[in-house]
Amino acid sequence: MRTFDPGAFSARLDLMAPTFTSDGQGGAAENWSEVAKLWARVEPVSIAFDEEANGEVVRLTHEVWMRMRSDLAPGMRLTRGGRVFRINGWRDPDETGRYLVCRCEEIEP
């Protein structure tokens, strides 16, 4: 296990949750509401090139370190300025309840 310096939490992120409102026709419009502002560390992990609909797609993954939270849920995202990170999963890296590491994919807003 690697050690981590909490002083490396230098990125200010917004934790966002999806909210759905009826569109009046049986569907729903998805909106995003801020759950919290937090300090974190964003570490690029990988880049992959895929082909989708006859075009090339770049997939960037990141690990986002943050202090432990109990309110994460599938479907949430983190934002920083114009960047959006979809949270795909998370783990407690040393099982001490101090930190979370979220595996995220950077997506188009």
Protein backbone atom coordinates (compact mmCIF):
# COMPACT_ATOMS: atom_id res chain seq x y z
CA MET A 1 0.00 0.00 0.00
CA ARG A 2 1.30 3.43 -0.79
CA THR A 3 1.20 6.25 1.70
CA PHE A 4 -0.71 9.41 0.92
CA ASP A 5 -0.15 13.00 1.96
CA PRO A 6 -3.48 14.71 2.72
CA GLY A 7 -1.76 18.00 1.80
CA ALA A 8 -2.00 16.79 -1.81
CA PHE A 9 -5.75 17.50 -1.80
CA SER A 10 -5.33 20.55 -4.03
CA ALA A 11 -8.30 20.24 -6.41
CA ARG A 12 -11.60 21.85 -5.39
CA LEU A 13 -14.41 19.64 -6.72
CA ASP A 14 -18.20 19.70 -6.63
CA LEU A 15 -19.94 16.42 -5.82
CA MET A 16 -23.12 16.26 -7.90
CA ALA A 17 -26.17 14.00 -7.74
CA PRO A 18 -28.74 13.46 -10.48
CA THR A 19 -32.25 14.78 -10.00
CA PHE A 20 -35.15 13.98 -12.28
CA THR A 21 -38.17 16.13 -13.06
CA SER A 22 -41.19 15.05 -15.03
CA ASP A 23 -41.33 16.35 -18.59
CA GLY A 24 -45.12 16.07 -18.63
CA GLN A 25 -45.10 13.35 -21.29
CA GLY A 26 -44.23 10.31 -19.20
CA GLY A 27 -40.49 10.90 -19.29
CA ALA A 28 -38.07 12.75 -17.07
CA ALA A 29 -35.45 15.42 -17.55
CA GLU A 30 -32.14 14.84 -15.81
CA ASN A 31 -30.59 17.73 -13.89
CA TRP A 32 -27.66 17.88 -11.50
CA SER A 33 -27.64 19.30 -8.00
CA GLU A 34 -24.62 20.01 -5.83
CA VAL A 35 -24.29 17.74 -2.80
CA ALA A 36 -20.99 19.11 -1.47
CA LYS A 37 -17.80 20.96 -2.25
CA LEU A 38 -14.68 19.02 -1.35
CA TRP A 39 -10.92 19.02 -1.62
CA ALA A 40 -9.43 16.09 -3.51
CA ARG A 41 -6.52 14.88 -5.55
CA VAL A 42 -7.12 13.95 -9.18
CA GLU A 43 -4.64 11.44 -10.62
CA PRO A 44 -4.78 10.45 -14.30
CA VAL A 45 -4.68 6.65 -14.62
CA SER A 46 -5.18 5.65 -18.23
CA ILE A 47 -6.11 6.71 -21.70
CA ALA A 48 -7.77 4.41 -24.23
CA PHE A 49 -8.79 4.93 -27.81
CA ASP A 50 -11.98 3.22 -28.94
CA GLU A 51 -14.08 3.33 -32.07
CA GLU A 52 -17.72 4.20 -31.67
CA ALA A 53 -20.20 4.96 -34.46
CA ASN A 54 -17.36 5.08 -37.02
CA GLY A 55 -15.48 7.67 -35.01
CA GLU A 56 -12.61 7.56 -32.57
CA VAL A 57 -13.43 8.08 -28.89
CA VAL A 58 -10.85 8.85 -26.23
CA ARG A 59 -11.54 7.50 -22.75
CA LEU A 60 -9.65 9.07 -19.85
CA THR A 61 -9.78 7.45 -16.43
CA HIS A 62 -8.71 9.02 -13.15
CA GLU A 63 -8.44 8.12 -9.52
CA VAL A 64 -9.86 10.83 -7.29
CA TRP A 65 -8.72 10.73 -3.67
CA MET A 66 -10.93 12.40 -1.06
CA ARG A 67 -11.71 12.20 2.63
CA MET A 68 -14.12 9.45 3.64
CA ARG A 69 -17.78 10.10 2.84
CA SER A 70 -20.83 7.95 3.52
CA ASP A 71 -23.13 9.65 1.00
CA LEU A 72 -21.69 8.42 -2.32
CA ALA A 73 -24.13 6.60 -4.58
CA PRO A 74 -23.97 5.12 -8.08
CA GLY A 75 -24.64 7.71 -10.77
CA MET A 76 -22.96 10.61 -8.98
CA ARG A 77 -20.28 12.75 -10.60
CA LEU A 78 -17.57 15.20 -9.68
CA THR A 79 -17.03 18.47 -11.51
CA ARG A 80 -14.21 20.97 -11.67
CA GLY A 81 -14.80 23.97 -13.88
CA GLY A 82 -15.83 22.55 -17.24
CA ARG A 83 -14.51 19.06 -16.48
CA VAL A 84 -16.90 16.26 -15.50
CA PHE A 85 -15.85 12.97 -13.87
CA ARG A 86 -18.40 10.13 -13.71
CA ILE A 87 -17.87 8.05 -10.56
CA ASN A 88 -17.75 4.38 -11.61
CA GLY A 89 -16.80 2.93 -8.23
CA TRP A 90 -14.92 3.65 -5.03
CA ARG A 91 -12.89 1.93 -2.34
CA ASP A 92 -11.22 2.54 1.00
CA PRO A 93 -7.55 2.13 0.00
CA ASP A 94 -6.23 1.01 3.40
CA GLU A 95 -9.51 0.11 5.14
CA THR A 96 -8.98 2.67 7.89
CA GLY A 97 -12.01 4.83 7.11
CA ARG A 98 -9.87 7.91 6.38
CA TYR A 99 -9.95 8.16 2.58
CA LEU A 100 -11.88 7.09 -0.48
CA VAL A 101 -10.42 6.52 -3.91
CA CYS A 102 -12.99 6.91 -6.67
CA ARG A 103 -12.39 5.38 -10.09
CA CYS A 104 -13.76 7.95 -12.53
CA GLU A 105 -14.08 8.45 -16.25
CA GLU A 106 -13.82 11.96 -17.61
CA ILE A 107 -16.86 12.66 -19.77
CA GLU A 108 -18.13 15.43 -21.98
CA PRO A 109 -20.42 17.80 -20.07
